[in-house]
Amino acid sequence: MARRSVSVRIRGHEFRVRSDDDEAALQRVAGYLDETMSKVEEKTGTVDSLSVAMLTALNLAREVAELRQGQQGLGGDPKRLRSLIDLAESALEVRTPQV
């Protein structure tokens, strides 16, 4: 299959991706990423794009590690990844000032 440019939309921004994967598969992946980023943003109250992207990357890396560990006995320690995600999320929590 020849590499071609595919347009995907993530968090309201259009990205052109050169890929030899089929367009429908790439759109599904972009949709999953967009949905996961939205959940992270809602859960943490974080609106900074970089922070949301990094927390999303941590969550998705945990999912990949769990899949690898379950399928191949490989991957990182899911508990360690979860604790890192929790730590990062707690550092970004929006706190209401006390009066």
PDB file of N, CA and C in Angstrom:
ATOM      1  N   MET A   1       0.843  -1.176   0.000  1.00  0.00           N
ATOM      2  CA  MET A   1       0.000   0.000   0.000  1.00  0.00           C
ATOM      3  C   MET A   1       0.896   1.250   0.000  1.00  0.00           C
ATOM      4  N   ALA A   2       0.558   2.231  -0.796  1.00  0.00           N
ATOM      5  CA  ALA A   2       1.366   3.444  -0.908  1.00  0.00           C
ATOM      6  C   ALA A   2       1.060   4.400   0.242  1.00  0.00           C
ATOM      7  N   ARG A   3       2.106   5.112   0.669  1.00  0.00           N
ATOM      8  CA  ARG A   3       1.914   6.126   1.713  1.00  0.00           C
ATOM      9  C   ARG A   3       1.107   7.267   1.135  1.00  0.00           C
ATOM     10  N   ARG A   4       0.149   7.714   1.925  1.00  0.00           N
ATOM     11  CA  ARG A   4      -0.649   8.856   1.490  1.00  0.00           C
ATOM     12  C   ARG A   4      -0.929   9.742   2.695  1.00  0.00           C
ATOM     13  N   SER A   5      -1.353  10.936   2.431  1.00  0.00           N
ATOM     14  CA  SER A   5      -1.649  11.884   3.490  1.00  0.00           C
ATOM     15  C   SER A   5      -3.124  11.762   3.872  1.00  0.00           C
ATOM     16  N   VAL A   6      -3.362  11.582   5.173  1.00  0.00           N
ATOM     17  CA  VAL A   6      -4.721  11.442   5.695  1.00  0.00           C
ATOM     18  C   VAL A   6      -4.948  12.562   6.703  1.00  0.00           C
ATOM     19  N   SER A   7      -6.109  13.192   6.636  1.00  0.00           N
ATOM     20  CA  SER A   7      -6.453  14.256   7.567  1.00  0.00           C
ATOM     21  C   SER A   7      -7.241  13.680   8.733  1.00  0.00           C
ATOM     22  N   VAL A   8      -6.783  13.978   9.958  1.00  0.00           N
ATOM     23  CA  VAL A   8      -7.508  13.574  11.168  1.00  0.00           C
ATOM     24  C   VAL A   8      -7.731  14.810  12.028  1.00  0.00           C
ATOM     25  N   ARG A   9      -8.768  14.764  12.852  1.00  0.00           N
ATOM     26  CA  ARG A   9      -9.077  15.876  13.744  1.00  0.00           C
ATOM     27  C   ARG A   9      -8.965  15.398  15.181  1.00  0.00           C
ATOM     28  N   ILE A  10      -8.112  16.103  15.951  1.00  0.00           N
ATOM     29  CA  ILE A  10      -7.897  15.781  17.363  1.00  0.00           C
ATOM     30  C   ILE A  10      -7.986  17.074  18.160  1.00  0.00           C
ATOM     31  N   ARG A  11      -8.911  17.089  19.131  1.00  0.00           N
ATOM     32  CA  ARG A  11      -9.119  18.252  20.003  1.00  0.00           C
ATOM     33  C   ARG A  11      -9.358  19.529  19.206  1.00  0.00           C
ATOM     34  N   GLY A  12     -10.083  19.379  18.092  1.00  0.00           N
ATOM     35  CA  GLY A  12     -10.453  20.531  17.279  1.00  0.00           C
ATOM     36  C   GLY A  12      -9.395  20.995  16.301  1.00  0.00           C
ATOM     37  N   HIS A  13      -8.273  20.303  16.250  1.00  0.00           N
ATOM     38  CA  HIS A  13      -7.193  20.669  15.331  1.00  0.00           C
ATOM     39  C   HIS A  13      -7.048  19.604  14.254  1.00  0.00           C
ATOM     40  N   GLU A  14      -6.820  20.054  13.043  1.00  0.00           N
ATOM     41  CA  GLU A  14      -6.630  19.112  11.942  1.00  0.00           C
ATOM     42  C   GLU A  14      -5.143  18.787  11.799  1.00  0.00           C
ATOM     43  N   PHE A  15      -4.848  17.509  11.647  1.00  0.00           N
ATOM     44  CA  PHE A  15      -3.485  17.042  11.437  1.00  0.00           C
ATOM     45  C   PHE A  15      -3.448  16.223  10.157  1.00  0.00           C
ATOM     46  N   ARG A  16      -2.416  16.416   9.374  1.00  0.00           N
ATOM     47  CA  ARG A  16      -2.197  15.610   8.177  1.00  0.00           C
ATOM     48  C   ARG A  16      -1.152  14.562   8.541  1.00  0.00           C
ATOM     49  N   VAL A  17      -1.501  13.302   8.357  1.00  0.00           N
ATOM     50  CA  VAL A  17      -0.625  12.196   8.735  1.00  0.00           C
ATOM     51  C   VAL A  17      -0.295  11.393   7.495  1.00  0.00           C
ATOM     52  N   ARG A  18       0.992  11.179   7.260  1.00  0.00           N
ATOM     53  CA  ARG A  18       1.402  10.315   6.148  1.00  0.00           C
ATOM     54  C   ARG A  18       1.473   8.890   6.670  1.00  0.00           C
ATOM     55  N   SER A  19       0.708   8.025   6.028  1.00  0.00           N
ATOM     56  CA  SER A  19       0.607   6.657   6.529  1.00  0.00           C
ATOM     57  C   SER A  19       0.282   5.703   5.397  1.00  0.00           C
ATOM     58  N   ASP A  20       0.690   4.438   5.582  1.00  0.00           N
ATOM     59  CA  ASP A  20       0.283   3.416   4.631  1.00  0.00           C
ATOM     60  C   ASP A  20      -0.840   2.560   5.221  1.00  0.00           C
ATOM     61  N   ASP A  21      -1.309   2.914   6.438  1.00  0.00           N
ATOM     62  CA  ASP A  21      -2.479   2.253   7.023  1.00  0.00           C
ATOM     63  C   ASP A  21      -3.729   2.746   6.303  1.00  0.00           C
ATOM     64  N   ASP A  22      -4.803   1.970   6.411  1.00  0.00           N
ATOM     65  CA  ASP A  22      -6.018   2.436   5.751  1.00  0.00           C
ATOM     66  C   ASP A  22      -6.616   3.603   6.526  1.00  0.00           C
ATOM     67  N   GLU A  23      -7.290   4.485   5.819  1.00  0.00           N
ATOM     68  CA  GLU A  23      -7.785   5.726   6.394  1.00  0.00           C
ATOM     69  C   GLU A  23      -8.779   5.481   7.539  1.00  0.00           C
ATOM     70  N   ALA A  24      -9.654   4.504   7.390  1.00  0.00           N
ATOM     71  CA  ALA A  24     -10.653   4.221   8.428  1.00  0.00           C
ATOM     72  C   ALA A  24      -9.976   3.835   9.748  1.00  0.00           C
ATOM     73  N   ALA A  25      -8.932   3.024   9.672  1.00  0.00           N
ATOM     74  CA  ALA A  25      -8.208   2.617  10.884  1.00  0.00           C
ATOM     75  C   ALA A  25      -7.555   3.825  11.540  1.00  0.00           C
ATOM     76  N   LEU A  26      -6.960   4.688  10.745  1.00  0.00           N
ATOM     77  CA  LEU A  26      -6.317   5.885  11.284  1.00  0.00           C
ATOM     78  C   LEU A  26      -7.348   6.816  11.920  1.00  0.00           C
ATOM     79  N   GLN A  27      -8.518   6.930  11.311  1.00  0.00           N
ATOM     80  CA  GLN A  27      -9.583   7.759  11.877  1.00  0.00           C
ATOM     81  C   GLN A  27     -10.059   7.195  13.214  1.00  0.00           C
ATOM     82  N   ARG A  28     -10.155   5.865  13.322  1.00  0.00           N
ATOM     83  CA  ARG A  28     -10.552   5.237  14.596  1.00  0.00           C
ATOM     84  C   ARG A  28      -9.529   5.530  15.684  1.00  0.00           C
ATOM     85  N   VAL A  29      -8.247   5.431  15.347  1.00  0.00           N
ATOM     86  CA  VAL A  29      -7.188   5.702  16.324  1.00  0.00           C
ATOM     87  C   VAL A  29      -7.236   7.162  16.763  1.00  0.00           C
ATOM     88  N   ALA A  30      -7.404   8.071  15.810  1.00  0.00           N
ATOM     89  CA  ALA A  30      -7.487   9.498  16.139  1.00  0.00           C
ATOM     90  C   ALA A  30      -8.714   9.771  17.012  1.00  0.00           C
ATOM     91  N   GLY A  31      -9.818   9.106  16.725  1.00  0.00           N
ATOM     92  CA  GLY A  31     -11.029   9.266  17.535  1.00  0.00           C
ATOM     93  C   GLY A  31     -10.821   8.777  18.958  1.00  0.00           C
ATOM     94  N   TYR A  32     -10.129   7.649  19.094  1.00  0.00           N
ATOM     95  CA  TYR A  32      -9.833   7.103  20.425  1.00  0.00           C
ATOM     96  C   TYR A  32      -8.941   8.065  21.200  1.00  0.00           C
ATOM     97  N   LEU A  33      -7.937   8.618  20.537  1.00  0.00           N
ATOM     98  CA  LEU A  33      -7.046   9.585  21.173  1.00  0.00           C
ATOM     99  C   LEU A  33      -7.825  10.823  21.609  1.00  0.00           C
ATOM    100  N   ASP A  34      -8.669  11.337  20.729  1.00  0.00           N
ATOM    101  CA  ASP A  34      -9.471  12.520  21.033  1.00  0.00           C
ATOM    102  C   ASP A  34     -10.384  12.261  22.233  1.00  0.00           C
ATOM    103  N   GLU A  35     -11.031  11.102  22.252  1.00  0.00           N
ATOM    104  CA  GLU A  35     -11.914  10.732  23.349  1.00  0.00           C
ATOM    105  C   GLU A  35     -11.143  10.601  24.662  1.00  0.00           C
ATOM    106  N   THR A  36      -9.975   9.978  24.613  1.00  0.00           N
ATOM    107  CA  THR A  36      -9.161   9.799  25.818  1.00  0.00           C
ATOM    108  C   THR A  36      -8.673  11.145  26.347  1.00  0.00           C
ATOM    109  N   MET A  37      -8.258  12.029  25.447  1.00  0.00           N
ATOM    110  CA  MET A  37      -7.813  13.357  25.878  1.00  0.00           C
ATOM    111  C   MET A  37      -8.956  14.122  26.529  1.00  0.00           C
ATOM    112  N   SER A  38     -10.155  13.992  25.987  1.00  0.00           N
ATOM    113  CA  SER A  38     -11.319  14.663  26.556  1.00  0.00           C
ATOM    114  C   SER A  38     -11.601  14.155  27.972  1.00  0.00           C
ATOM    115  N   LYS A  39     -11.506  12.841  28.170  1.00  0.00           N
ATOM    116  CA  LYS A  39     -11.719  12.259  29.499  1.00  0.00           C
ATOM    117  C   LYS A  39     -10.679  12.748  30.497  1.00  0.00           C
ATOM    118  N   VAL A  40      -9.415  12.811  30.066  1.00  0.00           N
ATOM    119  CA  VAL A  40      -8.343  13.297  30.944  1.00  0.00           C
ATOM    120  C   VAL A  40      -8.603  14.750  31.320  1.00  0.00           C
ATOM    121  N   GLU A  41      -8.989  15.553  30.342  1.00  0.00           N
ATOM    122  CA  GLU A  41      -9.266  16.967  30.594  1.00  0.00           C
ATOM    123  C   GLU A  41     -10.412  17.127  31.595  1.00  0.00           C
ATOM    124  N   GLU A  42     -11.481  16.345  31.424  1.00  0.00           N
ATOM    125  CA  GLU A  42     -12.617  16.410  32.342  1.00  0.00           C
ATOM    126  C   GLU A  42     -12.237  15.948  33.747  1.00  0.00           C
ATOM    127  N   LYS A  43     -11.494  14.856  33.824  1.00  0.00           N
ATOM    128  CA  LYS A  43     -11.139  14.282  35.124  1.00  0.00           C
ATOM    129  C   LYS A  43     -10.219  15.200  35.924  1.00  0.00           C
ATOM    130  N   THR A  44      -9.265  15.829  35.243  1.00  0.00           N
ATOM    131  CA  THR A  44      -8.262  16.630  35.948  1.00  0.00           C
ATOM    132  C   THR A  44      -8.604  18.105  36.018  1.00  0.00           C
ATOM    133  N   GLY A  45      -9.496  18.569  35.153  1.00  0.00           N
ATOM    134  CA  GLY A  45      -9.786  19.998  35.098  1.00  0.00           C
ATOM    135  C   GLY A  45      -8.684  20.786  34.425  1.00  0.00           C
ATOM    136  N   THR A  46      -7.741  20.085  33.826  1.00  0.00           N
ATOM    137  CA  THR A  46      -6.607  20.722  33.163  1.00  0.00           C
ATOM    138  C   THR A  46      -7.017  21.153  31.768  1.00  0.00           C
ATOM    139  N   VAL A  47      -6.641  22.375  31.396  1.00  0.00           N
ATOM    140  CA  VAL A  47      -6.953  22.842  30.046  1.00  0.00           C
ATOM    141  C   VAL A  47      -5.688  23.061  29.214  1.00  0.00           C
ATOM    142  N   ASP A  48      -4.543  23.028  29.844  1.00  0.00           N
ATOM    143  CA  ASP A  48      -3.280  23.191  29.121  1.00  0.00           C
ATOM    144  C   ASP A  48      -3.086  21.997  28.182  1.00  0.00           C
ATOM    145  N   SER A  49      -2.966  22.268  26.897  1.00  0.00           N
ATOM    146  CA  SER A  49      -2.879  21.205  25.890  1.00  0.00           C
ATOM    147  C   SER A  49      -1.720  20.254  26.126  1.00  0.00           C
ATOM    148  N   LEU A  50      -0.562  20.775  26.474  1.00  0.00           N
ATOM    149  CA  LEU A  50       0.600  19.919  26.697  1.00  0.00           C
ATOM    150  C   LEU A  50       0.385  19.003  27.900  1.00  0.00           C
ATOM    151  N   SER A  51      -0.159  19.534  28.969  1.00  0.00           N
ATOM    152  CA  SER A  51      -0.412  18.721  30.159  1.00  0.00           C
ATOM    153  C   SER A  51      -1.425  17.628  29.867  1.00  0.00           C
ATOM    154  N   VAL A  52      -2.485  17.966  29.149  1.00  0.00           N
ATOM    155  CA  VAL A  52      -3.499  16.973  28.787  1.00  0.00           C
ATOM    156  C   VAL A  52      -2.865  15.905  27.903  1.00  0.00           C
ATOM    157  N   ALA A  53      -2.036  16.326  26.946  1.00  0.00           N
ATOM    158  CA  ALA A  53      -1.384  15.368  26.045  1.00  0.00           C
ATOM    159  C   ALA A  53      -0.451  14.430  26.808  1.00  0.00           C
ATOM    160  N   MET A  54       0.312  14.958  27.766  1.00  0.00           N
ATOM    161  CA  MET A  54       1.237  14.122  28.524  1.00  0.00           C
ATOM    162  C   MET A  54       0.495  13.135  29.423  1.00  0.00           C
ATOM    163  N   LEU A  55      -0.564  13.586  30.085  1.00  0.00           N
ATOM    164  CA  LEU A  55      -1.349  12.680  30.921  1.00  0.00           C
ATOM    165  C   LEU A  55      -2.030  11.607  30.070  1.00  0.00           C
ATOM    166  N   THR A  56      -2.491  11.997  28.896  1.00  0.00           N
ATOM    167  CA  THR A  56      -3.096  11.028  27.981  1.00  0.00           C
ATOM    168  C   THR A  56      -2.056  10.017  27.538  1.00  0.00           C
ATOM    169  N   ALA A  57      -0.854  10.483  27.227  1.00  0.00           N
ATOM    170  CA  ALA A  57       0.227   9.575  26.824  1.00  0.00           C
ATOM    171  C   ALA A  57       0.529   8.574  27.940  1.00  0.00           C
ATOM    172  N   LEU A  58       0.545   9.031  29.183  1.00  0.00           N
ATOM    173  CA  LEU A  58       0.778   8.126  30.311  1.00  0.00           C
ATOM    174  C   LEU A  58      -0.327   7.076  30.417  1.00  0.00           C
ATOM    175  N   ASN A  59      -1.574   7.511  30.277  1.00  0.00           N
ATOM    176  CA  ASN A  59      -2.693   6.575  30.339  1.00  0.00           C
ATOM    177  C   ASN A  59      -2.624   5.546  29.211  1.00  0.00           C
ATOM    178  N   LEU A  60      -2.337   5.995  28.005  1.00  0.00           N
ATOM    179  CA  LEU A  60      -2.264   5.081  26.869  1.00  0.00           C
ATOM    180  C   LEU A  60      -1.052   4.160  26.981  1.00  0.00           C
ATOM    181  N   ALA A  61       0.054   4.665  27.508  1.00  0.00           N
ATOM    182  CA  ALA A  61       1.234   3.814  27.720  1.00  0.00           C
ATOM    183  C   ALA A  61       0.921   2.716  28.733  1.00  0.00           C
ATOM    184  N   ARG A  62       0.143   3.048  29.758  1.00  0.00           N
ATOM    185  CA  ARG A  62      -0.267   2.052  30.746  1.00  0.00           C
ATOM    186  C   ARG A  62      -1.119   0.967  30.082  1.00  0.00           C
ATOM    187  N   GLU A  63      -2.049   1.390  29.228  1.00  0.00           N
ATOM    188  CA  GLU A  63      -2.884   0.422  28.516  1.00  0.00           C
ATOM    189  C   GLU A  63      -2.037  -0.508  27.647  1.00  0.00           C
ATOM    190  N   VAL A  64      -1.086   0.071  26.928  1.00  0.00           N
ATOM    191  CA  VAL A  64      -0.206  -0.732  26.068  1.00  0.00           C
ATOM    192  C   VAL A  64       0.610  -1.705  26.905  1.00  0.00           C
ATOM    193  N   ALA A  65       1.169  -1.223  28.022  1.00  0.00           N
ATOM    194  CA  ALA A  65       1.971  -2.088  28.890  1.00  0.00           C
ATOM    195  C   ALA A  65       1.137  -3.241  29.436  1.00  0.00           C
ATOM    196  N   GLU A  66      -0.101  -2.951  29.831  1.00  0.00           N
ATOM    197  CA  GLU A  66      -0.975  -4.003  30.342  1.00  0.00           C
ATOM    198  C   GLU A  66      -1.293  -5.028  29.262  1.00  0.00           C
ATOM    199  N   LEU A  67      -1.537  -4.566  28.050  1.00  0.00           N
ATOM    200  CA  LEU A  67      -1.794  -5.486  26.943  1.00  0.00           C
ATOM    201  C   LEU A  67      -0.578  -6.345  26.646  1.00  0.00           C
ATOM    202  N   ARG A  68       0.587  -5.720  26.623  1.00  0.00           N
ATOM    203  CA  ARG A  68       1.815  -6.470  26.357  1.00  0.00           C
ATOM    204  C   ARG A  68       2.065  -7.502  27.441  1.00  0.00           C
ATOM    205  N   GLN A  69       1.877  -7.093  28.671  1.00  0.00           N
ATOM    206  CA  GLN A  69       2.117  -8.005  29.781  1.00  0.00           C
ATOM    207  C   GLN A  69       1.145  -9.177  29.713  1.00  0.00           C
ATOM    208  N   GLY A  70      -0.102  -8.899  29.394  1.00  0.00           N
ATOM    209  CA  GLY A  70      -1.099  -9.949  29.317  1.00  0.00           C
ATOM    210  C   GLY A  70      -0.890 -10.882  28.136  1.00  0.00           C
ATOM    211  N   GLN A  71      -0.405 -10.353  27.022  1.00  0.00           N
ATOM    212  CA  GLN A  71      -0.251 -11.164  25.818  1.00  0.00           C
ATOM    213  C   GLN A  71       1.111 -11.825  25.716  1.00  0.00           C
ATOM    214  N   GLN A  72       2.150 -11.151  26.201  1.00  0.00           N
ATOM    215  CA  GLN A  72       3.498 -11.646  25.979  1.00  0.00           C
ATOM    216  C   GLN A  72       4.320 -11.766  27.249  1.00  0.00           C
ATOM    217  N   GLY A  73       3.762 -11.377  28.376  1.00  0.00           N
ATOM    218  CA  GLY A  73       4.547 -11.399  29.602  1.00  0.00           C
ATOM    219  C   GLY A  73       5.578 -10.278  29.638  1.00  0.00           C
ATOM    220  N   LEU A  74       5.403  -9.256  28.788  1.00  0.00           N
ATOM    221  CA  LEU A  74       6.339  -8.136  28.723  1.00  0.00           C
ATOM    222  C   LEU A  74       5.665  -6.881  29.225  1.00  0.00           C
ATOM    223  N   GLY A  75       6.379  -5.789  29.216  1.00  0.00           N
ATOM    224  CA  GLY A  75       5.797  -4.495  29.554  1.00  0.00           C
ATOM    225  C   GLY A  75       6.239  -4.030  30.914  1.00  0.00           C
ATOM    226  N   GLY A  76       5.825  -2.791  31.239  1.00  0.00           N
ATOM    227  CA  GLY A  76       6.178  -2.211  32.522  1.00  0.00           C
ATOM    228  C   GLY A  76       5.257  -2.695  33.620  1.00  0.00           C
ATOM    229  N   ASP A  77       5.528  -2.252  34.795  1.00  0.00           N
ATOM    230  CA  ASP A  77       4.728  -2.590  35.967  1.00  0.00           C
ATOM    231  C   ASP A  77       3.480  -1.710  35.963  1.00  0.00           C
ATOM    232  N   PRO A  78       2.286  -2.288  35.738  1.00  0.00           N
ATOM    233  CA  PRO A  78       1.068  -1.487  35.669  1.00  0.00           C
ATOM    234  C   PRO A  78       0.794  -0.692  36.945  1.00  0.00           C
ATOM    235  N   LYS A  79       1.123  -1.242  38.114  1.00  0.00           N
ATOM    236  CA  LYS A  79       0.911  -0.509  39.369  1.00  0.00           C
ATOM    237  C   LYS A  79       1.797   0.724  39.421  1.00  0.00           C
ATOM    238  N   ARG A  80       3.036   0.571  38.950  1.00  0.00           N
ATOM    239  CA  ARG A  80       3.974   1.706  38.927  1.00  0.00           C
ATOM    240  C   ARG A  80       3.477   2.776  37.962  1.00  0.00           C
ATOM    241  N   LEU A  81       3.031   2.357  36.778  1.00  0.00           N
ATOM    242  CA  LEU A  81       2.490   3.311  35.817  1.00  0.00           C
ATOM    243  C   LEU A  81       1.265   4.016  36.381  1.00  0.00           C
ATOM    244  N   ARG A  82       0.370   3.267  37.038  1.00  0.00           N
ATOM    245  CA  ARG A  82      -0.831   3.866  37.621  1.00  0.00           C
ATOM    246  C   ARG A  82      -0.452   4.898  38.678  1.00  0.00           C
ATOM    247  N   SER A  83       0.556   4.581  39.502  1.00  0.00           N
ATOM    248  CA  SER A  83       0.962   5.531  40.540  1.00  0.00           C
ATOM    249  C   SER A  83       1.575   6.785  39.924  1.00  0.00           C
ATOM    250  N   LEU A  84       2.302   6.642  38.819  1.00  0.00           N
ATOM    251  CA  LEU A  84       2.849   7.819  38.131  1.00  0.00           C
ATOM    252  C   LEU A  84       1.736   8.671  37.543  1.00  0.00           C
ATOM    253  N   ILE A  85       0.736   8.024  36.967  1.00  0.00           N
ATOM    254  CA  ILE A  85      -0.398   8.762  36.417  1.00  0.00           C
ATOM    255  C   ILE A  85      -1.134   9.499  37.523  1.00  0.00           C
ATOM    256  N   ASP A  86      -1.381   8.821  38.648  1.00  0.00           N
ATOM    257  CA  ASP A  86      -2.056   9.452  39.780  1.00  0.00           C
ATOM    258  C   ASP A  86      -1.263  10.647  40.302  1.00  0.00           C
ATOM    259  N   LEU A  87       0.046  10.492  40.377  1.00  0.00           N
ATOM    260  CA  LEU A  87       0.899  11.580  40.853  1.00  0.00           C
ATOM    261  C   LEU A  87       0.820  12.770  39.906  1.00  0.00           C
ATOM    262  N   ALA A  88       0.910  12.509  38.609  1.00  0.00           N
ATOM    263  CA  ALA A  88       0.840  13.595  37.625  1.00  0.00           C
ATOM    264  C   ALA A  88      -0.520  14.279  37.674  1.00  0.00           C
ATOM    265  N   GLU A  89      -1.591  13.497  37.781  1.00  0.00           N
ATOM    266  CA  GLU A  89      -2.929  14.078  37.843  1.00  0.00           C
ATOM    267  C   GLU A  89      -3.125  14.904  39.100  1.00  0.00           C
ATOM    268  N   SER A  90      -2.603  14.440  40.220  1.00  0.00           N
ATOM    269  CA  SER A  90      -2.772  15.190  41.469  1.00  0.00           C
ATOM    270  C   SER A  90      -2.012  16.512  41.419  1.00  0.00           C
ATOM    271  N   ALA A  91      -0.900  16.534  40.717  1.00  0.00           N
ATOM    272  CA  ALA A  91      -0.127  17.769  40.597  1.00  0.00           C
ATOM    273  C   ALA A  91      -0.856  18.796  39.739  1.00  0.00           C
ATOM    274  N   LEU A  92      -1.751  18.330  38.886  1.00  0.00           N
ATOM    275  CA  LEU A  92      -2.460  19.224  37.976  1.00  0.00           C
ATOM    276  C   LEU A  92      -3.875  19.544  38.421  1.00  0.00           C
ATOM    277  N   GLU A  93      -4.316  18.965  39.535  1.00  0.00           N
ATOM    278  CA  GLU A  93      -5.673  19.217  39.997  1.00  0.00           C
ATOM    279  C   GLU A  93      -5.876  20.695  40.255  1.00  0.00           C
ATOM    280  N   VAL A  94      -7.036  21.177  39.831  1.00  0.00           N
ATOM    281  CA  VAL A  94      -7.398  22.569  40.075  1.00  0.00           C
ATOM    282  C   VAL A  94      -7.926  22.659  41.496  1.00  0.00           C
ATOM    283  N   ARG A  95      -7.282  23.463  42.280  1.00  0.00           N
ATOM    284  CA  ARG A  95      -7.686  23.598  43.671  1.00  0.00           C
ATOM    285  C   ARG A  95      -8.401  24.942  43.864  1.00  0.00           C
ATOM    286  N   THR A  96      -9.493  24.910  44.572  1.00  0.00           N
ATOM    287  CA  THR A  96     -10.246  26.120  44.857  1.00  0.00           C
ATOM    288  C   THR A  96      -9.604  26.829  46.033  1.00  0.00           C
ATOM    289  N   PRO A  97      -9.282  28.128  45.859  1.00  0.00           N
ATOM    290  CA  PRO A  97      -8.654  28.847  46.978  1.00  0.00           C
ATOM    291  C   PRO A  97      -9.624  28.937  48.160  1.00  0.00           C
ATOM    292  N   GLN A  98      -9.090  28.762  49.364  1.00  0.00           N
ATOM    293  CA  GLN A  98      -9.911  28.861  50.563  1.00  0.00           C
ATOM    294  C   GLN A  98      -9.982  30.305  50.994  1.00  0.00           C
ATOM    295  N   VAL A  99     -11.175  30.729  51.391  1.00  0.00           N
ATOM    296  CA  VAL A  99     -11.396  32.115  51.790  1.00  0.00           C
ATOM    297  C   VAL A  99     -11.440  32.227  53.280  1.00  0.00           C
TER     298      VAL A  99
END
